[in-house]
Amino acid sequence: MDVLRIIGELIHTTLVFSTALILTALGGIFSERSGVVNIGLEGLMVSGAFASAVAAYYAEQAGMTDSAPWVGVLAAVVFGILVSIIHAVASITFKADQVVSGVVINFLAAGLTVYLVKILFNGAGQTETLNTVFHNVNIPGLASIPLLGYGLFSAYPTTYLAWILVAVTWYVLFKTPFGLRLRAVGEHPGAADTLGVPVARIRYIGVLLSGALGGLGGATITLTTTSNFSHNTISGQGFIALAAMIFGKWHPFGVLGAAIFFGFAQAIKNFVQLFEISKSIPMEFLYMLPYILTILVLAGAVGRAYPPASLGEPYDPGKR
């Protein structure tokens, strides 16, 4: 039973780490399927983590203790959308280089959030620790199943939400008129425009959805594992989500598998600590593991993952 419990713990930890990657990578799908490169996923996660920590803290101070985490989630989604507007305006309206715009989002979010934390919390380098965060929700009957029960059916609400959003994203992209238009705009915006599809509007929606989901991804880290926000709360998770999106070939279920793979790599260090193997393996190597795997996976995916045909190309109606 101890071994089963440990394996269940590994599965559970893998899902905890993969949740933020799933949500953020789904956001990247909406943006890049519409033809807009979104290197700024890291910045969107940072923005969401910051907004959720601040909003949840002030909700607690206002006496909204029970609903504080959900207030944080809402704030993260809104703030993520606001930050993504900058990328949308630069990339779509002004036709700036989309990679450069995304990099700017990353630097802007990293600097602005730390600056605002220092203003709001009297010069401190991090927000106050939250008293109320999300806790595991057990699905009656299923949570008691040996091995898989604790791993799969005793999870944070945000993990269940991520699973649901994978299915919703798949349905929206491949079973609705909006999804067809979004994919058409990413593949051949000129042809879509000829058929009356508003290219700029569709791309704006795609980028704003990426902001909402990226902000939500950042909030899951603050509201489940760290309980506060500081400059190293995200620590490159947005770039791993970007890798998961590419490795998953811009498909929701592919992203789910890739995110679980990267989440497992991050959970390994907790697993090793549990068995005290870290005495013979330097922990620095374990912390490097997710990033090394990211590089290896992307190197292996080159030439095999085919992005939308018009990804990264600004659309000019006069030149269609």
C-alpha atoms as a PDB file:
ATOM      1  CA  MET A   1       0.000   0.000   0.000  1.00  0.00           C
ATOM      2  CA  ASP A   2       2.877   2.365   0.685  1.00  0.00           C
ATOM      3  CA  VAL A   3       4.192   1.842  -2.835  1.00  0.00           C
ATOM      4  CA  LEU A   4       0.736   2.466  -4.292  1.00  0.00           C
ATOM      5  CA  ARG A   5       0.437   5.615  -2.233  1.00  0.00           C
ATOM      6  CA  ILE A   6       3.806   6.860  -3.468  1.00  0.00           C
ATOM      7  CA  ILE A   7       2.903   6.179  -7.097  1.00  0.00           C
ATOM      8  CA  GLY A   8      -0.424   7.935  -6.542  1.00  0.00           C
ATOM      9  CA  GLU A   9       1.474  10.873  -5.080  1.00  0.00           C
ATOM     10  CA  LEU A  10       3.683  10.996  -8.182  1.00  0.00           C
ATOM     11  CA  ILE A  11       0.636  11.011 -10.457  1.00  0.00           C
ATOM     12  CA  HIS A  12      -0.993  13.699  -8.320  1.00  0.00           C
ATOM     13  CA  THR A  13       2.123  15.901  -8.351  1.00  0.00           C
ATOM     14  CA  THR A  14       2.492  15.447 -12.105  1.00  0.00           C
ATOM     15  CA  LEU A  15      -1.050  16.732 -12.630  1.00  0.00           C
ATOM     16  CA  VAL A  16      -0.438  19.668 -10.285  1.00  0.00           C
ATOM     17  CA  PHE A  17       2.587  20.783 -12.304  1.00  0.00           C
ATOM     18  CA  SER A  18       0.954  20.095 -15.654  1.00  0.00           C
ATOM     19  CA  THR A  19      -2.228  22.090 -14.961  1.00  0.00           C
ATOM     20  CA  ALA A  20      -0.653  25.504 -15.512  1.00  0.00           C
ATOM     21  CA  LEU A  21       1.083  24.225 -18.649  1.00  0.00           C
ATOM     22  CA  ILE A  22      -2.166  22.842 -20.063  1.00  0.00           C
ATOM     23  CA  LEU A  23      -4.082  26.070 -19.574  1.00  0.00           C
ATOM     24  CA  THR A  24      -1.323  28.317 -20.912  1.00  0.00           C
ATOM     25  CA  ALA A  25      -0.606  26.091 -23.914  1.00  0.00           C
ATOM     26  CA  LEU A  26      -4.326  26.043 -24.784  1.00  0.00           C
ATOM     27  CA  GLY A  27      -4.180  29.828 -24.824  1.00  0.00           C
ATOM     28  CA  GLY A  28      -1.194  29.649 -27.151  1.00  0.00           C
ATOM     29  CA  ILE A  29      -3.199  27.415 -29.498  1.00  0.00           C
ATOM     30  CA  PHE A  30      -5.923  30.042 -29.912  1.00  0.00           C
ATOM     31  CA  SER A  31      -3.382  32.742 -30.704  1.00  0.00           C
ATOM     32  CA  GLU A  32      -1.173  30.749 -33.050  1.00  0.00           C
ATOM     33  CA  ARG A  33      -4.030  28.952 -34.805  1.00  0.00           C
ATOM     34  CA  SER A  34      -5.214  32.444 -35.769  1.00  0.00           C
ATOM     35  CA  GLY A  35      -1.769  33.228 -37.217  1.00  0.00           C
ATOM     36  CA  VAL A  36      -0.266  35.301 -34.382  1.00  0.00           C
ATOM     37  CA  VAL A  37       2.943  34.018 -32.785  1.00  0.00           C
ATOM     38  CA  ASN A  38       2.756  34.293 -29.003  1.00  0.00           C
ATOM     39  CA  ILE A  39       6.195  34.130 -27.439  1.00  0.00           C
ATOM     40  CA  GLY A  40       4.692  36.150 -24.572  1.00  0.00           C
ATOM     41  CA  LEU A  41       3.100  33.196 -22.782  1.00  0.00           C
ATOM     42  CA  GLU A  42       5.651  33.574 -19.989  1.00  0.00           C
ATOM     43  CA  GLY A  43       4.623  37.192 -19.474  1.00  0.00           C
ATOM     44  CA  LEU A  44       0.951  36.274 -19.473  1.00  0.00           C
ATOM     45  CA  MET A  45       1.556  33.661 -16.779  1.00  0.00           C
ATOM     46  CA  VAL A  46       3.533  36.159 -14.697  1.00  0.00           C
ATOM     47  CA  SER A  47       0.702  38.677 -15.062  1.00  0.00           C
ATOM     48  CA  GLY A  48      -1.902  36.133 -13.988  1.00  0.00           C
ATOM     49  CA  ALA A  49       0.138  34.939 -11.029  1.00  0.00           C
ATOM     50  CA  PHE A  50       0.598  38.519  -9.847  1.00  0.00           C
ATOM     51  CA  ALA A  51      -3.030  39.549 -10.313  1.00  0.00           C
ATOM     52  CA  SER A  52      -4.393  36.457  -8.584  1.00  0.00           C
ATOM     53  CA  ALA A  53      -2.115  36.889  -5.555  1.00  0.00           C
ATOM     54  CA  VAL A  54      -2.974  40.570  -5.128  1.00  0.00           C
ATOM     55  CA  ALA A  55      -6.712  40.189  -5.734  1.00  0.00           C
ATOM     56  CA  ALA A  56      -7.022  37.168  -3.451  1.00  0.00           C
ATOM     57  CA  TYR A  57      -5.086  38.974  -0.705  1.00  0.00           C
ATOM     58  CA  TYR A  58      -7.332  42.041  -0.803  1.00  0.00           C
ATOM     59  CA  ALA A  59     -10.408  39.798  -0.986  1.00  0.00           C
ATOM     60  CA  GLU A  60      -9.235  38.172   2.250  1.00  0.00           C
ATOM     61  CA  GLN A  61      -8.728  41.595   3.826  1.00  0.00           C
ATOM     62  CA  ALA A  62     -12.280  42.504   2.823  1.00  0.00           C
ATOM     63  CA  GLY A  63     -13.635  39.425   4.586  1.00  0.00           C
ATOM     64  CA  MET A  64     -14.286  37.389   1.441  1.00  0.00           C
ATOM     65  CA  THR A  65     -12.223  34.498   2.748  1.00  0.00           C
ATOM     66  CA  ASP A  66     -14.126  31.602   1.179  1.00  0.00           C
ATOM     67  CA  SER A  67     -14.315  33.151  -2.284  1.00  0.00           C
ATOM     68  CA  ALA A  68     -10.847  34.753  -2.294  1.00  0.00           C
ATOM     69  CA  PRO A  69      -9.238  32.127  -4.603  1.00  0.00           C
ATOM     70  CA  TRP A  70     -11.999  32.555  -7.175  1.00  0.00           C
ATOM     71  CA  VAL A  71     -11.620  36.328  -6.983  1.00  0.00           C
ATOM     72  CA  GLY A  72      -7.948  35.718  -7.739  1.00  0.00           C
ATOM     73  CA  VAL A  73      -8.854  33.559 -10.742  1.00  0.00           C
ATOM     74  CA  LEU A  74     -11.151  36.249 -12.140  1.00  0.00           C
ATOM     75  CA  ALA A  75      -8.504  38.944 -11.638  1.00  0.00           C
ATOM     76  CA  ALA A  76      -5.891  36.787 -13.370  1.00  0.00           C
ATOM     77  CA  VAL A  77      -8.120  36.273 -16.414  1.00  0.00           C
ATOM     78  CA  VAL A  78      -8.918  39.995 -16.679  1.00  0.00           C
ATOM     79  CA  PHE A  79      -5.313  41.098 -16.190  1.00  0.00           C
ATOM     80  CA  GLY A  80      -4.105  38.495 -18.681  1.00  0.00           C
ATOM     81  CA  ILE A  81      -6.532  39.873 -21.263  1.00  0.00           C
ATOM     82  CA  LEU A  82      -5.384  43.443 -20.604  1.00  0.00           C
ATOM     83  CA  VAL A  83      -1.735  42.510 -21.095  1.00  0.00           C
ATOM     84  CA  SER A  84      -2.512  40.513 -24.241  1.00  0.00           C
ATOM     85  CA  ILE A  85      -4.214  43.569 -25.746  1.00  0.00           C
ATOM     86  CA  ILE A  86      -0.769  45.148 -26.020  1.00  0.00           C
ATOM     87  CA  HIS A  87       0.458  42.203 -28.063  1.00  0.00           C
ATOM     88  CA  ALA A  88      -2.691  42.212 -30.194  1.00  0.00           C
ATOM     89  CA  VAL A  89      -2.506  45.918 -31.003  1.00  0.00           C
ATOM     90  CA  ALA A  90       1.205  45.763 -31.841  1.00  0.00           C
ATOM     91  CA  SER A  91       0.977  42.571 -33.916  1.00  0.00           C
ATOM     92  CA  ILE A  92      -2.370  42.957 -35.654  1.00  0.00           C
ATOM     93  CA  THR A  93      -3.151  46.652 -35.866  1.00  0.00           C
ATOM     94  CA  PHE A  94       0.385  48.004 -36.295  1.00  0.00           C
ATOM     95  CA  LYS A  95       1.758  44.821 -37.910  1.00  0.00           C
ATOM     96  CA  ALA A  96       4.866  44.794 -35.732  1.00  0.00           C
ATOM     97  CA  ASP A  97       7.161  41.789 -35.599  1.00  0.00           C
ATOM     98  CA  GLN A  98       5.190  39.284 -33.532  1.00  0.00           C
ATOM     99  CA  VAL A  99       8.220  37.650 -31.940  1.00  0.00           C
ATOM    100  CA  VAL A 100       9.600  40.992 -30.799  1.00  0.00           C
ATOM    101  CA  SER A 101       6.197  42.009 -29.443  1.00  0.00           C
ATOM    102  CA  GLY A 102       5.977  38.773 -27.454  1.00  0.00           C
ATOM    103  CA  VAL A 103       9.446  39.272 -26.012  1.00  0.00           C
ATOM    104  CA  VAL A 104       8.423  42.784 -24.969  1.00  0.00           C
ATOM    105  CA  ILE A 105       5.410  41.317 -23.151  1.00  0.00           C
ATOM    106  CA  ASN A 106       7.724  38.990 -21.231  1.00  0.00           C
ATOM    107  CA  PHE A 107      10.039  41.786 -20.120  1.00  0.00           C
ATOM    108  CA  LEU A 108       7.180  44.184 -19.402  1.00  0.00           C
ATOM    109  CA  ALA A 109       5.334  41.683 -17.208  1.00  0.00           C
ATOM    110  CA  ALA A 110       8.488  40.671 -15.335  1.00  0.00           C
ATOM    111  CA  GLY A 111       9.434  44.249 -14.508  1.00  0.00           C
ATOM    112  CA  LEU A 112       6.000  45.770 -13.985  1.00  0.00           C
ATOM    113  CA  THR A 113       4.711  43.101 -11.610  1.00  0.00           C
ATOM    114  CA  VAL A 114       7.757  43.259  -9.326  1.00  0.00           C
ATOM    115  CA  TYR A 115       7.514  47.057  -9.303  1.00  0.00           C
ATOM    116  CA  LEU A 116       3.820  46.945  -8.403  1.00  0.00           C
ATOM    117  CA  VAL A 117       4.473  44.387  -5.652  1.00  0.00           C
ATOM    118  CA  LYS A 118       6.994  46.737  -4.061  1.00  0.00           C
ATOM    119  CA  ILE A 119       4.485  49.605  -4.207  1.00  0.00           C
ATOM    120  CA  LEU A 120       1.546  47.611  -2.846  1.00  0.00           C
ATOM    121  CA  PHE A 121       3.455  45.760  -0.120  1.00  0.00           C
ATOM    122  CA  ASN A 122       5.756  48.431   1.276  1.00  0.00           C
ATOM    123  CA  GLY A 123       8.890  47.556  -0.643  1.00  0.00           C
ATOM    124  CA  ALA A 124       8.657  43.790  -0.064  1.00  0.00           C
ATOM    125  CA  GLY A 125       9.918  41.473  -2.770  1.00  0.00           C
ATOM    126  CA  GLN A 126       6.790  39.326  -2.683  1.00  0.00           C
ATOM    127  CA  THR A 127       3.115  39.535  -1.834  1.00  0.00           C
ATOM    128  CA  GLU A 128       1.727  38.524   1.526  1.00  0.00           C
ATOM    129  CA  THR A 129       1.121  34.793   1.913  1.00  0.00           C
ATOM    130  CA  LEU A 130      -2.496  33.889   1.270  1.00  0.00           C
ATOM    131  CA  ASN A 131      -4.460  32.240   4.061  1.00  0.00           C
ATOM    132  CA  THR A 132      -7.005  30.740   1.673  1.00  0.00           C
ATOM    133  CA  VAL A 133      -5.984  28.844  -1.453  1.00  0.00           C
ATOM    134  CA  PHE A 134      -7.481  25.979  -3.417  1.00  0.00           C
ATOM    135  CA  HIS A 135      -7.527  22.550  -1.812  1.00  0.00           C
ATOM    136  CA  ASN A 136      -7.962  19.080  -3.252  1.00  0.00           C
ATOM    137  CA  VAL A 137     -11.509  18.131  -4.202  1.00  0.00           C
ATOM    138  CA  ASN A 138     -12.276  14.428  -3.862  1.00  0.00           C
ATOM    139  CA  ILE A 139     -14.706  12.859  -6.314  1.00  0.00           C
ATOM    140  CA  PRO A 140     -16.926  10.592  -4.185  1.00  0.00           C
ATOM    141  CA  GLY A 141     -16.329   6.912  -4.833  1.00  0.00           C
ATOM    142  CA  LEU A 142     -13.524   7.453  -7.328  1.00  0.00           C
ATOM    143  CA  ALA A 143     -11.028   9.074  -4.943  1.00  0.00           C
ATOM    144  CA  SER A 144     -10.823   5.858  -2.906  1.00  0.00           C
ATOM    145  CA  ILE A 145      -9.716   3.698  -5.855  1.00  0.00           C
ATOM    146  CA  PRO A 146      -6.271   2.217  -5.150  1.00  0.00           C
ATOM    147  CA  LEU A 147      -3.356   3.818  -7.013  1.00  0.00           C
ATOM    148  CA  LEU A 148      -5.362   5.999  -9.406  1.00  0.00           C
ATOM    149  CA  GLY A 149      -7.877   7.369  -6.921  1.00  0.00           C
ATOM    150  CA  TYR A 150      -5.607   9.864  -5.181  1.00  0.00           C
ATOM    151  CA  GLY A 151      -3.674  10.591  -8.347  1.00  0.00           C
ATOM    152  CA  LEU A 152      -6.586  11.372 -10.668  1.00  0.00           C
ATOM    153  CA  PHE A 153      -9.678  11.982  -8.575  1.00  0.00           C
ATOM    154  CA  SER A 154      -8.330  14.000  -5.671  1.00  0.00           C
ATOM    155  CA  ALA A 155      -7.177  17.147  -7.429  1.00  0.00           C
ATOM    156  CA  TYR A 156      -7.396  20.916  -7.276  1.00  0.00           C
ATOM    157  CA  PRO A 157     -10.465  22.549  -8.876  1.00  0.00           C
ATOM    158  CA  THR A 158      -8.147  24.176 -11.421  1.00  0.00           C
ATOM    159  CA  THR A 159      -6.943  20.735 -12.555  1.00  0.00           C
ATOM    160  CA  TYR A 160     -10.493  19.606 -13.252  1.00  0.00           C
ATOM    161  CA  LEU A 161     -11.076  22.917 -15.021  1.00  0.00           C
ATOM    162  CA  ALA A 162      -8.012  22.338 -17.211  1.00  0.00           C
ATOM    163  CA  TRP A 163      -9.297  18.908 -18.271  1.00  0.00           C
ATOM    164  CA  ILE A 164     -12.679  20.392 -19.148  1.00  0.00           C
ATOM    165  CA  LEU A 165     -11.086  23.217 -21.130  1.00  0.00           C
ATOM    166  CA  VAL A 166      -9.079  20.735 -23.199  1.00  0.00           C
ATOM    167  CA  ALA A 167     -12.349  19.189 -24.401  1.00  0.00           C
ATOM    168  CA  VAL A 168     -13.991  22.594 -24.826  1.00  0.00           C
ATOM    169  CA  THR A 169     -11.053  23.906 -26.858  1.00  0.00           C
ATOM    170  CA  TRP A 170     -11.132  20.839 -29.115  1.00  0.00           C
ATOM    171  CA  TYR A 171     -14.866  21.269 -29.677  1.00  0.00           C
ATOM    172  CA  VAL A 172     -14.587  25.003 -30.367  1.00  0.00           C
ATOM    173  CA  LEU A 173     -11.688  24.598 -32.800  1.00  0.00           C
ATOM    174  CA  PHE A 174     -12.973  21.635 -34.781  1.00  0.00           C
ATOM    175  CA  LYS A 175     -16.757  21.574 -34.359  1.00  0.00           C
ATOM    176  CA  THR A 176     -17.893  25.205 -34.488  1.00  0.00           C
ATOM    177  CA  PRO A 177     -18.015  27.872 -37.225  1.00  0.00           C
ATOM    178  CA  PHE A 178     -15.800  30.129 -35.095  1.00  0.00           C
ATOM    179  CA  GLY A 179     -13.136  27.424 -34.878  1.00  0.00           C
ATOM    180  CA  LEU A 180     -13.235  26.907 -38.632  1.00  0.00           C
ATOM    181  CA  ARG A 181     -12.788  30.632 -39.209  1.00  0.00           C
ATOM    182  CA  LEU A 182      -9.966  30.832 -36.676  1.00  0.00           C
ATOM    183  CA  ARG A 183      -8.086  27.999 -38.365  1.00  0.00           C
ATOM    184  CA  ALA A 184      -8.775  29.436 -41.824  1.00  0.00           C
ATOM    185  CA  VAL A 185      -7.362  32.802 -40.791  1.00  0.00           C
ATOM    186  CA  GLY A 186      -4.222  31.100 -39.549  1.00  0.00           C
ATOM    187  CA  GLU A 187      -3.795  29.047 -42.717  1.00  0.00           C
ATOM    188  CA  HIS A 188      -4.794  31.490 -45.460  1.00  0.00           C
ATOM    189  CA  PRO A 189      -6.086  34.874 -44.255  1.00  0.00           C
ATOM    190  CA  GLY A 190      -6.501  36.174 -47.808  1.00  0.00           C
ATOM    191  CA  ALA A 191      -8.885  33.376 -48.754  1.00  0.00           C
ATOM    192  CA  ALA A 192     -10.780  33.775 -45.487  1.00  0.00           C
ATOM    193  CA  ASP A 193     -11.105  37.519 -46.079  1.00  0.00           C
ATOM    194  CA  THR A 194     -12.449  36.876 -49.565  1.00  0.00           C
ATOM    195  CA  LEU A 195     -15.215  34.784 -48.020  1.00  0.00           C
ATOM    196  CA  GLY A 196     -16.142  37.588 -45.630  1.00  0.00           C
ATOM    197  CA  VAL A 197     -14.301  36.419 -42.520  1.00  0.00           C
ATOM    198  CA  PRO A 198     -13.118  39.429 -40.445  1.00  0.00           C
ATOM    199  CA  VAL A 199      -9.432  38.494 -40.198  1.00  0.00           C
ATOM    200  CA  ALA A 200      -8.356  41.196 -37.747  1.00  0.00           C
ATOM    201  CA  ARG A 201     -11.304  40.558 -35.415  1.00  0.00           C
ATOM    202  CA  ILE A 202     -10.724  36.807 -35.373  1.00  0.00           C
ATOM    203  CA  ARG A 203      -7.035  37.310 -34.633  1.00  0.00           C
ATOM    204  CA  TYR A 204      -7.839  39.753 -31.837  1.00  0.00           C
ATOM    205  CA  ILE A 205     -10.166  37.189 -30.271  1.00  0.00           C
ATOM    206  CA  GLY A 206      -7.489  34.501 -30.547  1.00  0.00           C
ATOM    207  CA  VAL A 207      -4.863  36.655 -28.839  1.00  0.00           C
ATOM    208  CA  LEU A 208      -7.247  37.795 -26.098  1.00  0.00           C
ATOM    209  CA  LEU A 209      -8.236  34.183 -25.407  1.00  0.00           C
ATOM    210  CA  SER A 210      -4.558  33.355 -25.065  1.00  0.00           C
ATOM    211  CA  GLY A 211      -4.277  36.175 -22.521  1.00  0.00           C
ATOM    212  CA  ALA A 212      -7.223  34.853 -20.527  1.00  0.00           C
ATOM    213  CA  LEU A 213      -5.944  31.276 -20.450  1.00  0.00           C
ATOM    214  CA  GLY A 214      -2.326  32.319 -19.891  1.00  0.00           C
ATOM    215  CA  GLY A 215      -3.383  34.451 -16.936  1.00  0.00           C
ATOM    216  CA  LEU A 216      -5.426  31.537 -15.603  1.00  0.00           C
ATOM    217  CA  GLY A 217      -2.393  29.286 -15.963  1.00  0.00           C
ATOM    218  CA  GLY A 218      -0.299  31.653 -13.877  1.00  0.00           C
ATOM    219  CA  ALA A 219      -3.035  31.902 -11.249  1.00  0.00           C
ATOM    220  CA  THR A 220      -3.072  28.148 -10.730  1.00  0.00           C
ATOM    221  CA  ILE A 221       0.523  28.262  -9.501  1.00  0.00           C
ATOM    222  CA  THR A 222      -0.144  31.069  -7.033  1.00  0.00           C
ATOM    223  CA  LEU A 223      -3.421  29.649  -5.759  1.00  0.00           C
ATOM    224  CA  THR A 224      -2.324  26.032  -5.351  1.00  0.00           C
ATOM    225  CA  THR A 225       1.398  25.680  -4.636  1.00  0.00           C
ATOM    226  CA  THR A 226       3.178  28.948  -3.746  1.00  0.00           C
ATOM    227  CA  SER A 227       0.385  30.918  -1.970  1.00  0.00           C
ATOM    228  CA  ASN A 228       2.110  34.176  -2.932  1.00  0.00           C
ATOM    229  CA  PHE A 229       3.821  35.935  -5.838  1.00  0.00           C
ATOM    230  CA  SER A 230       7.460  36.883  -6.284  1.00  0.00           C
ATOM    231  CA  HIS A 231       9.830  37.406  -9.198  1.00  0.00           C
ATOM    232  CA  ASN A 232      10.580  33.661  -9.453  1.00  0.00           C
ATOM    233  CA  THR A 233       7.051  32.273  -9.086  1.00  0.00           C
ATOM    234  CA  ILE A 234       6.761  31.301 -12.757  1.00  0.00           C
ATOM    235  CA  SER A 235      10.446  30.626 -13.501  1.00  0.00           C
ATOM    236  CA  GLY A 236      10.155  29.756 -17.180  1.00  0.00           C
ATOM    237  CA  GLN A 237       6.869  27.824 -17.029  1.00  0.00           C
ATOM    238  CA  GLY A 238       5.544  29.917 -19.909  1.00  0.00           C
ATOM    239  CA  PHE A 239       8.375  28.787 -22.154  1.00  0.00           C
ATOM    240  CA  ILE A 240       7.722  25.159 -21.216  1.00  0.00           C
ATOM    241  CA  ALA A 241       4.038  25.728 -22.089  1.00  0.00           C
ATOM    242  CA  LEU A 242       5.192  27.104 -25.440  1.00  0.00           C
ATOM    243  CA  ALA A 243       7.212  23.930 -25.966  1.00  0.00           C
ATOM    244  CA  ALA A 244       4.179  21.820 -24.982  1.00  0.00           C
ATOM    245  CA  MET A 245       2.081  23.630 -27.576  1.00  0.00           C
ATOM    246  CA  ILE A 246       4.639  22.935 -30.329  1.00  0.00           C
ATOM    247  CA  PHE A 247       5.277  19.361 -29.175  1.00  0.00           C
ATOM    248  CA  GLY A 248       1.506  18.852 -29.103  1.00  0.00           C
ATOM    249  CA  LYS A 249       1.292  20.116 -32.704  1.00  0.00           C
ATOM    250  CA  TRP A 250      -1.157  22.908 -31.894  1.00  0.00           C
ATOM    251  CA  HIS A 251      -3.845  20.365 -30.994  1.00  0.00           C
ATOM    252  CA  PRO A 252      -5.639  20.376 -27.593  1.00  0.00           C
ATOM    253  CA  PHE A 253      -5.180  16.664 -26.909  1.00  0.00           C
ATOM    254  CA  GLY A 254      -1.600  16.778 -28.107  1.00  0.00           C
ATOM    255  CA  VAL A 255      -1.011  19.654 -25.713  1.00  0.00           C
ATOM    256  CA  LEU A 256      -2.565  17.630 -22.891  1.00  0.00           C
ATOM    257  CA  GLY A 257      -0.113  14.798 -23.440  1.00  0.00           C
ATOM    258  CA  ALA A 258       2.883  17.110 -23.811  1.00  0.00           C
ATOM    259  CA  ALA A 259       1.981  19.077 -20.682  1.00  0.00           C
ATOM    260  CA  ILE A 260       1.654  15.880 -18.648  1.00  0.00           C
ATOM    261  CA  PHE A 261       5.057  14.804 -19.958  1.00  0.00           C
ATOM    262  CA  PHE A 262       6.671  18.065 -18.834  1.00  0.00           C
ATOM    263  CA  GLY A 263       4.704  18.004 -15.588  1.00  0.00           C
ATOM    264  CA  PHE A 264       6.104  14.547 -14.898  1.00  0.00           C
ATOM    265  CA  ALA A 265       9.630  15.871 -15.426  1.00  0.00           C
ATOM    266  CA  GLN A 266       8.992  18.539 -12.783  1.00  0.00           C
ATOM    267  CA  ALA A 267       7.378  16.063 -10.409  1.00  0.00           C
ATOM    268  CA  ILE A 268      10.421  13.816 -10.541  1.00  0.00           C
ATOM    269  CA  LYS A 269      12.413  16.092  -8.238  1.00  0.00           C
ATOM    270  CA  ASN A 270       9.693  15.805  -5.589  1.00  0.00           C
ATOM    271  CA  PHE A 271       9.654  12.053  -6.078  1.00  0.00           C
ATOM    272  CA  VAL A 272      13.434  11.854  -5.658  1.00  0.00           C
ATOM    273  CA  GLN A 273      13.291  13.970  -2.507  1.00  0.00           C
ATOM    274  CA  LEU A 274      10.644  11.617  -1.123  1.00  0.00           C
ATOM    275  CA  PHE A 275      12.984   8.652  -1.540  1.00  0.00           C
ATOM    276  CA  GLU A 276      16.016  10.710  -0.446  1.00  0.00           C
ATOM    277  CA  ILE A 277      17.863   9.754  -3.629  1.00  0.00           C
ATOM    278  CA  SER A 278      18.977  13.376  -3.853  1.00  0.00           C
ATOM    279  CA  LYS A 279      21.845  12.463  -1.532  1.00  0.00           C
ATOM    280  CA  SER A 280      23.538  10.829  -4.511  1.00  0.00           C
ATOM    281  CA  ILE A 281      22.080  13.086  -7.240  1.00  0.00           C
ATOM    282  CA  PRO A 282      22.694  16.848  -6.993  1.00  0.00           C
ATOM    283  CA  MET A 283      19.337  18.649  -6.812  1.00  0.00           C
ATOM    284  CA  GLU A 284      20.587  21.182  -9.364  1.00  0.00           C
ATOM    285  CA  PHE A 285      20.476  18.440 -12.007  1.00  0.00           C
ATOM    286  CA  LEU A 286      16.910  17.602 -11.064  1.00  0.00           C
ATOM    287  CA  TYR A 287      15.832  21.231 -11.322  1.00  0.00           C
ATOM    288  CA  MET A 288      17.476  21.347 -14.758  1.00  0.00           C
ATOM    289  CA  LEU A 289      15.555  18.296 -15.981  1.00  0.00           C
ATOM    290  CA  PRO A 290      12.336  19.998 -17.241  1.00  0.00           C
ATOM    291  CA  TYR A 291      14.330  22.561 -19.208  1.00  0.00           C
ATOM    292  CA  ILE A 292      16.718  20.006 -20.671  1.00  0.00           C
ATOM    293  CA  LEU A 293      13.745  17.911 -21.768  1.00  0.00           C
ATOM    294  CA  THR A 294      12.179  21.031 -23.292  1.00  0.00           C
ATOM    295  CA  ILE A 295      15.260  21.602 -25.443  1.00  0.00           C
ATOM    296  CA  LEU A 296      15.508  17.950 -26.452  1.00  0.00           C
ATOM    297  CA  VAL A 297      11.831  17.722 -27.315  1.00  0.00           C
ATOM    298  CA  LEU A 298      11.883  20.884 -29.408  1.00  0.00           C
ATOM    299  CA  ALA A 299      15.045  19.730 -31.179  1.00  0.00           C
ATOM    300  CA  GLY A 300      13.346  16.448 -31.987  1.00  0.00           C
ATOM    301  CA  ALA A 301      10.135  18.160 -33.075  1.00  0.00           C
ATOM    302  CA  VAL A 302      11.852  20.373 -35.664  1.00  0.00           C
ATOM    303  CA  GLY A 303      10.723  19.282 -39.104  1.00  0.00           C
ATOM    304  CA  ARG A 304       7.912  17.150 -37.698  1.00  0.00           C
ATOM    305  CA  ALA A 305       5.552  19.759 -36.238  1.00  0.00           C
ATOM    306  CA  TYR A 306       3.855  21.870 -38.886  1.00  0.00           C
ATOM    307  CA  PRO A 307       2.539  25.226 -37.649  1.00  0.00           C
ATOM    308  CA  PRO A 308      -0.329  27.126 -39.296  1.00  0.00           C
ATOM    309  CA  ALA A 309       0.795  28.218 -42.758  1.00  0.00           C
ATOM    310  CA  SER A 310       0.441  31.957 -42.102  1.00  0.00           C
ATOM    311  CA  LEU A 311       1.797  31.936 -38.562  1.00  0.00           C
ATOM    312  CA  GLY A 312       3.782  35.098 -37.880  1.00  0.00           C
ATOM    313  CA  GLU A 313       2.731  36.866 -41.065  1.00  0.00           C
ATOM    314  CA  PRO A 314       0.863  40.186 -40.611  1.00  0.00           C
ATOM    315  CA  TYR A 315      -2.148  40.423 -42.895  1.00  0.00           C
ATOM    316  CA  ASP A 316      -2.562  43.379 -45.217  1.00  0.00           C
ATOM    317  CA  PRO A 317      -5.963  43.357 -46.982  1.00  0.00           C
ATOM    318  CA  GLY A 318      -4.530  45.490 -49.803  1.00  0.00           C
ATOM    319  CA  LYS A 319      -2.023  42.771 -50.730  1.00  0.00           C
ATOM    320  CA  ARG A 320      -4.200  39.678 -50.646  1.00  0.00           C
END
